[in-house]
Structures are given as structure tokens and as C-alpha cells.
């Protein structure tokens, strides 16, 4: 089950990067940060024998905030 969740997150990360042409830097930062954060959170949760869903959720939240801040400064 954990491998399926990780695979799904990776597929979404690859597919999500194709529709960013009309977005501002802040919006691109939020989207990219959320995807990368979700992938990182899932990976960390799996390595720590935790629940991948909560790891993805926490990672997406932190990544979206960080990406928004970084994107707004560009």
C-alpha cells in the first residue's frame, strides 16, 4: 500500500508541472512547493514507518507555504 501511495505522489508531481504557463511566480512557487513537499513528506513517513498520507499532507502544507514565500520574492 505504501508503495502505491508513493508512486501516485510521484505521478502527480510529474503531471502537475505541465500547466504553469499562465501562473504568477507566487502561484508557481505554491504549486511546486506543495508537490515537492508532499513527495518529501511521503518519503520521510515511509522511511520512519509512519503513515504516508499524513506525511504527504504535512509536507504539502509546509512546501506550499515555503514555495509561496520564495515565489513572491522573485
N, C-alpha and C. Protein backbone atom coordinates (compact mmCIF):
# COMPACT_ATOMS: atom_id res chain seq x y z
N UNK A 1 0.81 -1.20 0.00
CA UNK A 1 0.00 0.00 0.00
C UNK A 1 0.86 1.26 0.00
N UNK A 2 1.93 1.24 0.76
CA UNK A 2 2.78 2.42 0.86
C UNK A 2 3.46 2.72 -0.48
N UNK A 3 3.84 1.67 -1.18
CA UNK A 3 4.48 1.87 -2.48
C UNK A 3 3.51 2.47 -3.48
N UNK A 4 2.24 2.10 -3.38
CA UNK A 4 1.23 2.65 -4.28
C UNK A 4 1.04 4.14 -4.03
N UNK A 5 1.02 4.54 -2.76
CA UNK A 5 0.87 5.96 -2.42
C UNK A 5 2.07 6.75 -2.92
N UNK A 6 3.26 6.24 -2.71
CA UNK A 6 4.47 6.91 -3.17
C UNK A 6 4.47 7.04 -4.69
N UNK A 7 4.09 6.00 -5.39
CA UNK A 7 4.03 6.04 -6.84
C UNK A 7 3.01 7.07 -7.31
N UNK A 8 1.86 7.13 -6.65
CA UNK A 8 0.83 8.11 -7.01
C UNK A 8 1.31 9.54 -6.82
N UNK A 9 2.03 9.79 -5.74
CA UNK A 9 2.56 11.14 -5.50
C UNK A 9 3.57 11.51 -6.57
N UNK A 10 4.41 10.58 -6.95
CA UNK A 10 5.40 10.86 -7.99
C UNK A 10 4.75 11.13 -9.34
N UNK A 11 3.70 10.41 -9.68
CA UNK A 11 2.98 10.64 -10.93
C UNK A 11 2.34 12.02 -10.92
N UNK A 12 1.73 12.39 -9.80
CA UNK A 12 1.12 13.73 -9.70
C UNK A 12 2.17 14.82 -9.81
N UNK A 13 3.33 14.59 -9.25
CA UNK A 13 4.40 15.58 -9.32
C UNK A 13 4.85 15.79 -10.76
N UNK A 14 4.95 14.73 -11.51
CA UNK A 14 5.37 14.84 -12.90
C UNK A 14 4.28 15.45 -13.77
N UNK A 15 3.04 15.10 -13.53
CA UNK A 15 1.94 15.62 -14.34
C UNK A 15 1.59 17.05 -13.97
N UNK A 16 1.80 17.43 -12.74
CA UNK A 16 1.40 18.76 -12.28
C UNK A 16 2.26 19.89 -12.80
N UNK A 17 3.43 19.60 -13.28
CA UNK A 17 4.32 20.65 -13.74
C UNK A 17 4.04 21.17 -15.14
N UNK A 18 3.06 20.62 -15.82
CA UNK A 18 2.84 20.99 -17.21
C UNK A 18 1.88 22.16 -17.41
N UNK A 19 1.14 22.57 -16.41
CA UNK A 19 0.13 23.60 -16.61
C UNK A 19 0.43 24.91 -15.92
N UNK A 20 1.66 25.32 -15.85
CA UNK A 20 2.05 26.51 -15.08
C UNK A 20 2.36 27.72 -15.93
N UNK A 21 2.05 27.72 -17.22
CA UNK A 21 2.48 28.80 -18.09
C UNK A 21 1.79 30.13 -17.79
N UNK A 22 0.55 30.12 -17.35
CA UNK A 22 -0.17 31.36 -17.09
C UNK A 22 -0.20 31.77 -15.64
N UNK A 23 0.67 31.22 -14.83
CA UNK A 23 0.65 31.49 -13.39
C UNK A 23 1.72 32.50 -13.00
N UNK A 24 1.46 33.22 -11.91
CA UNK A 24 2.47 34.15 -11.38
C UNK A 24 3.57 33.36 -10.68
N UNK A 25 4.65 34.02 -10.33
CA UNK A 25 5.74 33.35 -9.62
C UNK A 25 5.28 32.81 -8.27
N UNK A 26 4.42 33.55 -7.59
CA UNK A 26 3.92 33.09 -6.29
C UNK A 26 3.09 31.83 -6.46
N UNK A 27 2.21 31.81 -7.45
CA UNK A 27 1.37 30.63 -7.69
C UNK A 27 2.22 29.43 -8.09
N UNK A 28 3.22 29.65 -8.93
CA UNK A 28 4.11 28.56 -9.30
C UNK A 28 4.87 28.04 -8.09
N UNK A 29 5.30 28.95 -7.22
CA UNK A 29 6.01 28.55 -6.01
C UNK A 29 5.16 27.72 -5.09
N UNK A 30 3.89 28.14 -4.91
CA UNK A 30 2.97 27.39 -4.05
C UNK A 30 2.73 25.99 -4.61
N UNK A 31 2.45 25.91 -5.91
CA UNK A 31 2.18 24.61 -6.53
C UNK A 31 3.39 23.69 -6.48
N UNK A 32 4.53 24.22 -6.85
CA UNK A 32 5.75 23.41 -6.85
C UNK A 32 6.12 22.99 -5.44
N UNK A 33 6.03 23.92 -4.50
CA UNK A 33 6.35 23.61 -3.11
C UNK A 33 5.43 22.54 -2.53
N UNK A 34 4.15 22.62 -2.86
CA UNK A 34 3.20 21.63 -2.35
C UNK A 34 3.50 20.24 -2.90
N UNK A 35 3.80 20.16 -4.18
CA UNK A 35 4.09 18.85 -4.79
C UNK A 35 5.38 18.26 -4.23
N UNK A 36 6.42 19.08 -4.20
CA UNK A 36 7.71 18.59 -3.69
C UNK A 36 7.62 18.27 -2.19
N UNK A 37 6.89 19.10 -1.46
CA UNK A 37 6.72 18.84 -0.03
C UNK A 37 5.94 17.56 0.23
N UNK A 38 4.90 17.32 -0.57
CA UNK A 38 4.13 16.09 -0.41
C UNK A 38 4.99 14.86 -0.71
N UNK A 39 5.79 14.95 -1.75
CA UNK A 39 6.67 13.83 -2.08
C UNK A 39 7.70 13.60 -0.97
N UNK A 40 8.29 14.68 -0.48
CA UNK A 40 9.27 14.54 0.60
C UNK A 40 8.62 14.03 1.88
N UNK A 41 7.45 14.55 2.22
CA UNK A 41 6.75 14.10 3.41
C UNK A 41 6.37 12.63 3.35
N UNK A 42 5.94 12.20 2.16
CA UNK A 42 5.61 10.78 1.99
C UNK A 42 6.85 9.91 2.16
N UNK A 43 7.93 10.33 1.54
CA UNK A 43 9.18 9.56 1.65
C UNK A 43 9.68 9.48 3.08
N UNK A 44 9.64 10.59 3.79
CA UNK A 44 10.09 10.59 5.18
C UNK A 44 9.20 9.72 6.04
N UNK A 45 7.89 9.81 5.83
CA UNK A 45 6.96 8.98 6.61
C UNK A 45 7.18 7.49 6.34
N UNK A 46 7.43 7.15 5.08
CA UNK A 46 7.67 5.74 4.76
C UNK A 46 8.97 5.24 5.39
N UNK A 47 10.00 6.08 5.35
CA UNK A 47 11.27 5.68 5.95
C UNK A 47 11.18 5.55 7.47
N UNK A 48 10.31 6.34 8.07
CA UNK A 48 10.15 6.31 9.52
C UNK A 48 9.06 5.33 9.97
N UNK A 49 8.56 4.54 9.02
CA UNK A 49 7.48 3.58 9.29
C UNK A 49 6.23 4.26 9.83
N UNK A 50 5.96 5.45 9.33
CA UNK A 50 4.76 6.18 9.71
C UNK A 50 3.69 6.05 8.64
N UNK A 51 2.66 6.87 8.74
CA UNK A 51 1.56 6.84 7.80
C UNK A 51 1.86 7.80 6.66
N UNK A 52 1.93 7.29 5.45
CA UNK A 52 2.34 8.08 4.29
C UNK A 52 1.37 9.22 4.00
N UNK A 53 0.09 9.02 4.24
CA UNK A 53 -0.90 10.06 3.97
C UNK A 53 -0.70 11.30 4.82
N UNK A 54 -0.43 11.09 6.10
CA UNK A 54 -0.18 12.24 6.99
C UNK A 54 1.14 12.92 6.65
N UNK A 55 2.12 12.13 6.25
CA UNK A 55 3.39 12.72 5.83
C UNK A 55 3.23 13.58 4.59
N UNK A 56 2.43 13.09 3.64
CA UNK A 56 2.17 13.86 2.42
C UNK A 56 1.40 15.14 2.73
N UNK A 57 0.44 15.05 3.61
CA UNK A 57 -0.36 16.22 3.98
C UNK A 57 0.50 17.28 4.67
N UNK A 58 1.28 16.86 5.61
CA UNK A 58 2.15 17.80 6.33
C UNK A 58 3.20 18.39 5.39
N UNK A 59 3.79 17.57 4.56
CA UNK A 59 4.79 18.04 3.62
C UNK A 59 4.22 19.01 2.60
N UNK A 60 3.01 18.75 2.13
CA UNK A 60 2.37 19.65 1.17
C UNK A 60 2.09 21.01 1.79
N UNK A 61 1.63 21.01 3.03
CA UNK A 61 1.36 22.29 3.71
C UNK A 61 2.61 23.12 3.89
N UNK A 62 3.65 22.49 4.40
CA UNK A 62 4.91 23.20 4.62
C UNK A 62 5.52 23.64 3.29
N UNK A 63 5.48 22.76 2.31
CA UNK A 63 6.03 23.09 1.00
C UNK A 63 5.29 24.22 0.31
N UNK A 64 3.95 24.24 0.44
CA UNK A 64 3.16 25.31 -0.18
C UNK A 64 3.49 26.66 0.44
N UNK A 65 3.61 26.70 1.74
CA UNK A 65 3.95 27.96 2.42
C UNK A 65 5.35 28.42 2.01
N UNK A 66 6.31 27.52 2.07
CA UNK A 66 7.67 27.88 1.70
C UNK A 66 7.77 28.29 0.23
N UNK A 67 7.10 27.56 -0.63
CA UNK A 67 7.13 27.90 -2.06
C UNK A 67 6.47 29.23 -2.35
N UNK A 68 5.39 29.54 -1.63
CA UNK A 68 4.73 30.83 -1.81
C UNK A 68 5.61 31.99 -1.38
N UNK A 69 6.29 31.82 -0.28
CA UNK A 69 7.20 32.88 0.19
C UNK A 69 8.35 33.08 -0.78
N UNK A 70 8.95 31.99 -1.22
CA UNK A 70 10.07 32.10 -2.14
C UNK A 70 9.61 32.64 -3.49
N UNK A 71 8.46 32.18 -3.97
CA UNK A 71 7.95 32.65 -5.26
C UNK A 71 7.59 34.12 -5.26
N UNK A 72 7.11 34.63 -4.14
CA UNK A 72 6.72 36.05 -4.08
C UNK A 72 7.93 36.96 -4.06
N UNK A 73 9.11 36.44 -3.73
CA UNK A 73 10.31 37.24 -3.68
C UNK A 73 11.05 37.30 -5.00
N UNK A 74 10.58 36.56 -5.99
CA UNK A 74 11.24 36.54 -7.30
C UNK A 74 10.67 37.57 -8.22
